[in-house]
């Protein structure tokens, strides 16, 4: 292989290796409920959307003192998400601008 093609090939490999970590960011976050109340709904929507989307817990609930790991990778590439939790007593708690690519855990107290 001529040197010019070898350098171009190596350049392509290096640019791909550098770009891959951004696309492969871990968007899993442990949601911890330490409120004393059962969480009955949880929403996590990327900041590029105008709605809360669907209840991530679905038919499940998250009792106080428990946690769940949620994968926020929705295929959009977004890292910034807004969270909304709804509790059995009707309280709703919203948190905006959470970076799920860097956040390992988020606790409701």
C-alpha atoms as a PDB file:
ATOM      1  CA  UNK A   1       0.000   0.000   0.000  1.00  0.00           C
ATOM      2  CA  UNK A   2       1.503   3.373  -0.956  1.00  0.00           C
ATOM      3  CA  UNK A   3       2.436   5.627   1.977  1.00  0.00           C
ATOM      4  CA  UNK A   4      -0.153   8.295   1.092  1.00  0.00           C
ATOM      5  CA  UNK A   5      -3.002   5.759   1.204  1.00  0.00           C
ATOM      6  CA  UNK A   6      -1.651   4.220   4.411  1.00  0.00           C
ATOM      7  CA  UNK A   7      -1.628   7.665   6.117  1.00  0.00           C
ATOM      8  CA  UNK A   8      -5.165   8.371   4.904  1.00  0.00           C
ATOM      9  CA  UNK A   9      -6.358   4.978   6.157  1.00  0.00           C
ATOM     10  CA  UNK A  10      -4.714   5.510   9.555  1.00  0.00           C
ATOM     11  CA  UNK A  11      -6.258   8.990   9.718  1.00  0.00           C
ATOM     12  CA  UNK A  12      -9.708   7.552   9.069  1.00  0.00           C
ATOM     13  CA  UNK A  13      -9.199   4.896  11.755  1.00  0.00           C
ATOM     14  CA  UNK A  14      -8.062   7.486  14.300  1.00  0.00           C
ATOM     15  CA  UNK A  15     -10.949   9.849  13.567  1.00  0.00           C
ATOM     16  CA  UNK A  16     -13.396   6.969  13.955  1.00  0.00           C
ATOM     17  CA  UNK A  17     -11.809   5.920  17.254  1.00  0.00           C
ATOM     18  CA  UNK A  18     -12.053   9.471  18.579  1.00  0.00           C
ATOM     19  CA  UNK A  19     -15.690   9.880  17.475  1.00  0.00           C
ATOM     20  CA  UNK A  20     -16.909   6.569  18.879  1.00  0.00           C
ATOM     21  CA  UNK A  21     -16.789   7.443  22.606  1.00  0.00           C
ATOM     22  CA  UNK A  22     -19.186  10.372  22.107  1.00  0.00           C
ATOM     23  CA  UNK A  23     -21.693   8.117  20.373  1.00  0.00           C
ATOM     24  CA  UNK A  24     -21.222   5.326  22.908  1.00  0.00           C
ATOM     25  CA  UNK A  25     -21.720   7.405  26.063  1.00  0.00           C
ATOM     26  CA  UNK A  26     -23.328   5.550  28.934  1.00  0.00           C
ATOM     27  CA  UNK A  27     -26.721   7.101  29.601  1.00  0.00           C
ATOM     28  CA  UNK A  28     -27.720   4.753  32.428  1.00  0.00           C
ATOM     29  CA  UNK A  29     -28.656   6.518  35.657  1.00  0.00           C
ATOM     30  CA  UNK A  30     -29.646   4.976  38.980  1.00  0.00           C
ATOM     31  CA  UNK A  31     -32.822   6.695  40.219  1.00  0.00           C
ATOM     32  CA  UNK A  32     -32.993   6.458  44.019  1.00  0.00           C
ATOM     33  CA  UNK A  33     -36.182   7.060  45.990  1.00  0.00           C
ATOM     34  CA  UNK A  34     -35.515   8.115  49.597  1.00  0.00           C
ATOM     35  CA  UNK A  35     -38.643  10.226  50.064  1.00  0.00           C
ATOM     36  CA  UNK A  36     -40.697   8.052  52.383  1.00  0.00           C
ATOM     37  CA  UNK A  37     -43.332   7.738  49.622  1.00  0.00           C
ATOM     38  CA  UNK A  38     -43.698   5.315  46.743  1.00  0.00           C
ATOM     39  CA  UNK A  39     -42.882   6.768  43.331  1.00  0.00           C
ATOM     40  CA  UNK A  40     -45.745   5.787  41.038  1.00  0.00           C
ATOM     41  CA  UNK A  41     -44.598   7.497  37.819  1.00  0.00           C
ATOM     42  CA  UNK A  42     -41.257   8.638  36.432  1.00  0.00           C
ATOM     43  CA  UNK A  43     -40.597  10.602  33.265  1.00  0.00           C
ATOM     44  CA  UNK A  44     -37.322  11.492  31.610  1.00  0.00           C
ATOM     45  CA  UNK A  45     -37.468  13.577  28.459  1.00  0.00           C
ATOM     46  CA  UNK A  46     -34.580  14.990  26.492  1.00  0.00           C
ATOM     47  CA  UNK A  47     -34.536  18.756  26.227  1.00  0.00           C
ATOM     48  CA  UNK A  48     -35.218  18.516  22.495  1.00  0.00           C
ATOM     49  CA  UNK A  49     -38.828  17.436  23.091  1.00  0.00           C
ATOM     50  CA  UNK A  50     -41.869  19.397  24.222  1.00  0.00           C
ATOM     51  CA  UNK A  51     -43.559  16.631  26.212  1.00  0.00           C
ATOM     52  CA  UNK A  52     -42.822  14.273  29.072  1.00  0.00           C
ATOM     53  CA  UNK A  53     -43.258  11.271  26.765  1.00  0.00           C
ATOM     54  CA  UNK A  54     -44.278   8.023  28.515  1.00  0.00           C
ATOM     55  CA  UNK A  55     -44.105   6.903  32.136  1.00  0.00           C
ATOM     56  CA  UNK A  56     -40.844   4.946  32.289  1.00  0.00           C
ATOM     57  CA  UNK A  57     -41.989   2.882  35.275  1.00  0.00           C
ATOM     58  CA  UNK A  58     -45.073   1.722  33.384  1.00  0.00           C
ATOM     59  CA  UNK A  59     -47.031  -0.645  35.625  1.00  0.00           C
ATOM     60  CA  UNK A  60     -44.185  -0.776  38.167  1.00  0.00           C
ATOM     61  CA  UNK A  61     -43.628   1.519  41.136  1.00  0.00           C
ATOM     62  CA  UNK A  62     -40.473   2.507  43.030  1.00  0.00           C
ATOM     63  CA  UNK A  63     -40.933   2.138  46.793  1.00  0.00           C
ATOM     64  CA  UNK A  64     -39.054   4.427  49.161  1.00  0.00           C
ATOM     65  CA  UNK A  65     -35.609   3.055  49.961  1.00  0.00           C
ATOM     66  CA  UNK A  66     -35.294   1.379  46.569  1.00  0.00           C
ATOM     67  CA  UNK A  67     -33.643   2.306  43.287  1.00  0.00           C
ATOM     68  CA  UNK A  68     -33.848   1.464  39.607  1.00  0.00           C
ATOM     69  CA  UNK A  69     -31.350   1.874  36.777  1.00  0.00           C
ATOM     70  CA  UNK A  70     -32.810   3.618  33.733  1.00  0.00           C
ATOM     71  CA  UNK A  71     -31.137   3.775  30.333  1.00  0.00           C
ATOM     72  CA  UNK A  72     -31.893   7.211  28.877  1.00  0.00           C
ATOM     73  CA  UNK A  73     -30.417   6.377  25.455  1.00  0.00           C
ATOM     74  CA  UNK A  74     -33.388   7.281  23.259  1.00  0.00           C
ATOM     75  CA  UNK A  75     -31.410   7.254  20.010  1.00  0.00           C
ATOM     76  CA  UNK A  76     -31.293  11.050  19.691  1.00  0.00           C
ATOM     77  CA  UNK A  77     -27.768  11.522  21.055  1.00  0.00           C
ATOM     78  CA  UNK A  78     -29.013  13.950  23.713  1.00  0.00           C
ATOM     79  CA  UNK A  79     -27.327  13.970  27.115  1.00  0.00           C
ATOM     80  CA  UNK A  80     -29.437  16.667  28.792  1.00  0.00           C
ATOM     81  CA  UNK A  81     -32.744  15.405  30.196  1.00  0.00           C
ATOM     82  CA  UNK A  82     -35.514  16.720  32.418  1.00  0.00           C
ATOM     83  CA  UNK A  83     -36.924  14.417  35.114  1.00  0.00           C
ATOM     84  CA  UNK A  84     -40.387  14.315  36.649  1.00  0.00           C
ATOM     85  CA  UNK A  85     -41.371  11.994  39.485  1.00  0.00           C
ATOM     86  CA  UNK A  86     -44.933  11.510  40.722  1.00  0.00           C
ATOM     87  CA  UNK A  87     -45.479  10.076  44.195  1.00  0.00           C
ATOM     88  CA  UNK A  88     -48.355   8.170  45.786  1.00  0.00           C
ATOM     89  CA  UNK A  89     -49.471  11.266  47.724  1.00  0.00           C
ATOM     90  CA  UNK A  90     -49.863  13.216  44.455  1.00  0.00           C
ATOM     91  CA  UNK A  91     -46.700  15.300  44.800  1.00  0.00           C
ATOM     92  CA  UNK A  92     -44.763  15.925  41.586  1.00  0.00           C
ATOM     93  CA  UNK A  93     -41.078  16.791  41.615  1.00  0.00           C
ATOM     94  CA  UNK A  94     -39.391  18.089  38.470  1.00  0.00           C
ATOM     95  CA  UNK A  95     -35.667  18.508  37.890  1.00  0.00           C
ATOM     96  CA  UNK A  96     -34.369  20.152  34.758  1.00  0.00           C
ATOM     97  CA  UNK A  97     -31.122  19.965  32.792  1.00  0.00           C
ATOM     98  CA  UNK A  98     -29.642  16.723  34.119  1.00  0.00           C
ATOM     99  CA  UNK A  99     -26.669  15.427  32.116  1.00  0.00           C
ATOM    100  CA  UNK A 100     -27.324  11.679  31.915  1.00  0.00           C
ATOM    101  CA  UNK A 101     -23.993  11.137  30.139  1.00  0.00           C
ATOM    102  CA  UNK A 102     -22.162  12.221  33.310  1.00  0.00           C
ATOM    103  CA  UNK A 103     -24.689  11.525  36.076  1.00  0.00           C
ATOM    104  CA  UNK A 104     -24.326   8.121  37.709  1.00  0.00           C
ATOM    105  CA  UNK A 105     -27.195   8.461  40.169  1.00  0.00           C
ATOM    106  CA  UNK A 106     -30.002  10.876  41.018  1.00  0.00           C
ATOM    107  CA  UNK A 107     -31.632  10.758  44.449  1.00  0.00           C
ATOM    108  CA  UNK A 108     -35.055  11.977  45.485  1.00  0.00           C
ATOM    109  CA  UNK A 109     -35.052  12.846  49.208  1.00  0.00           C
END
